[in-house]
Structure formats: structure tokens, C-alpha cells
Amino acid sequence: GKWGEAEVLHRVELELSKKVMGPKHPLTLTSMHSLADVLGSLGKWDEAEVMHREVLELSKRVKGPEHPDTLSSMHNLASALGSQGKWGE
């Protein structure tokens, strides 16, 4: 696929989302999640993990720890960790 191009577009979109809507806006969190997924697809696991952790923490604060989006963020982080063989985390 065209993951490199997708990464560039997601980074631009994320920066615009942060600027226009703010870093804690739900759509900004969705943008962060999308970029983290692309980073994982590119094998940039460390950066993807950091971004998934950030999305999870912001989602807990913005939406609450039991919100479905927060639980989904938890799943995404667990998947990213599993892809790196970090099963204990």
C-alpha cells in the first residue's frame, strides 16, 4: 500500500485538528488513533506505542475510563504492545 503517503496525510490532518479543534477534541483523538495505526503498519512500533498511550490517557480524561472509545483505545494499545512482543505489559 501507500503507507508512507498515508503517514504524511495523517500527520498534516492531526496537526490541523489540534490547531482548529484542540488537542483533547474527540475528532483529534480519532486522528491520533489513525496515525498510530499507520505507524504500526509501517513498522514504526515505538512511535505507534507512544501515540496509542497518549490517545488512551487523553480518552480517559476526556471521555472517562469506561467509555467505549476509551476501551477501544486500551485494546489498540494492547495490540500494539503484542505486535512488539511486549506481552507482559
Protein backbone atom coordinates (compact mmCIF):
# COMPACT_ATOMS: atom_id res chain seq x y z
CA GLY A 1 0.00 0.00 0.00
CA LYS A 2 0.87 3.65 0.10
CA TRP A 3 1.57 3.75 3.84
CA GLY A 4 4.23 6.46 3.54
CA GLU A 5 1.84 8.80 1.79
CA ALA A 6 -0.87 7.95 4.31
CA GLU A 7 1.51 8.80 7.16
CA VAL A 8 2.20 12.25 5.72
CA LEU A 9 -1.51 12.97 5.21
CA HIS A 10 -2.42 11.76 8.72
CA ARG A 11 0.31 13.92 10.27
CA VAL A 12 -0.95 17.02 8.42
CA GLU A 13 -4.54 16.25 9.36
CA LEU A 14 -3.61 15.69 13.02
CA GLU A 15 -1.77 19.00 13.27
CA LEU A 16 -4.72 20.81 11.71
CA SER A 17 -7.15 19.05 14.07
CA LYS A 18 -5.07 20.08 17.09
CA LYS A 19 -4.92 23.67 15.82
CA VAL A 20 -8.59 24.00 14.85
CA MET A 21 -10.38 21.81 17.42
CA GLY A 22 -7.79 21.45 20.17
CA PRO A 23 -5.70 18.51 21.38
CA LYS A 24 -8.47 17.00 23.52
CA HIS A 25 -11.30 17.11 20.97
CA PRO A 26 -12.76 13.65 20.20
CA LEU A 27 -12.01 14.04 16.47
CA THR A 28 -8.41 14.91 17.28
CA LEU A 29 -8.18 11.71 19.32
CA THR A 30 -9.55 9.79 16.32
CA SER A 31 -6.88 11.42 14.14
CA MET A 32 -4.19 10.36 16.60
CA HIS A 33 -5.51 6.81 16.58
CA SER A 34 -5.47 6.70 12.77
CA LEU A 35 -1.89 7.93 12.62
CA ALA A 36 -0.83 5.40 15.27
CA ASP A 37 -2.36 2.61 13.18
CA VAL A 38 -0.47 3.75 10.08
CA LEU A 39 2.76 3.97 12.06
CA GLY A 40 2.22 0.39 13.20
CA SER A 41 1.63 -0.70 9.62
CA LEU A 42 4.94 0.91 8.70
CA GLY A 43 6.70 -0.98 11.50
CA LYS A 44 7.32 2.20 13.50
CA TRP A 45 6.24 0.42 16.66
CA ASP A 46 7.88 2.68 19.22
CA GLU A 47 6.22 5.80 17.83
CA ALA A 48 2.90 3.98 17.40
CA GLU A 49 3.04 2.78 21.01
CA VAL A 50 3.70 6.30 22.31
CA MET A 51 0.79 7.66 20.31
CA HIS A 52 -1.58 4.86 21.43
CA ARG A 53 -0.62 5.57 25.06
CA GLU A 54 -1.33 9.28 24.57
CA VAL A 55 -4.72 8.56 22.99
CA LEU A 56 -5.62 6.25 25.87
CA GLU A 57 -4.67 8.78 28.56
CA LEU A 58 -6.50 11.64 26.83
CA SER A 59 -9.55 9.46 26.25
CA LYS A 60 -9.65 8.53 29.94
CA ARG A 61 -9.59 12.22 30.88
CA VAL A 62 -11.96 13.47 28.18
CA LYS A 63 -14.47 10.64 27.92
CA GLY A 64 -13.96 8.67 31.13
CA PRO A 65 -12.33 5.31 31.89
CA GLU A 66 -15.36 3.21 30.96
CA HIS A 67 -16.36 4.95 27.74
CA PRO A 68 -16.41 2.61 24.71
CA ASP A 69 -13.83 4.78 22.91
CA THR A 70 -11.51 4.54 25.93
CA LEU A 71 -11.90 0.77 26.00
CA SER A 72 -11.16 0.67 22.27
CA SER A 73 -8.02 2.75 22.89
CA MET A 74 -6.97 0.26 25.55
CA HIS A 75 -7.42 -2.56 23.04
CA ASN A 76 -5.41 -0.70 20.40
CA LEU A 77 -2.52 -0.16 22.81
CA ALA A 78 -2.62 -3.83 23.83
CA SER A 79 -2.50 -4.85 20.16
CA ALA A 80 0.46 -2.53 19.52
CA LEU A 81 2.30 -3.97 22.53
CA GLY A 82 1.52 -7.50 21.40
CA SER A 83 2.90 -6.74 17.94
CA GLN A 84 6.17 -5.82 19.62
CA GLY A 85 6.20 -8.96 21.76
CA LYS A 86 5.58 -6.94 24.94
CA TRP A 87 3.11 -9.46 26.32
CA GLY A 88 3.74 -8.58 29.96
CA GLU A 89 2.50 -5.04 29.56
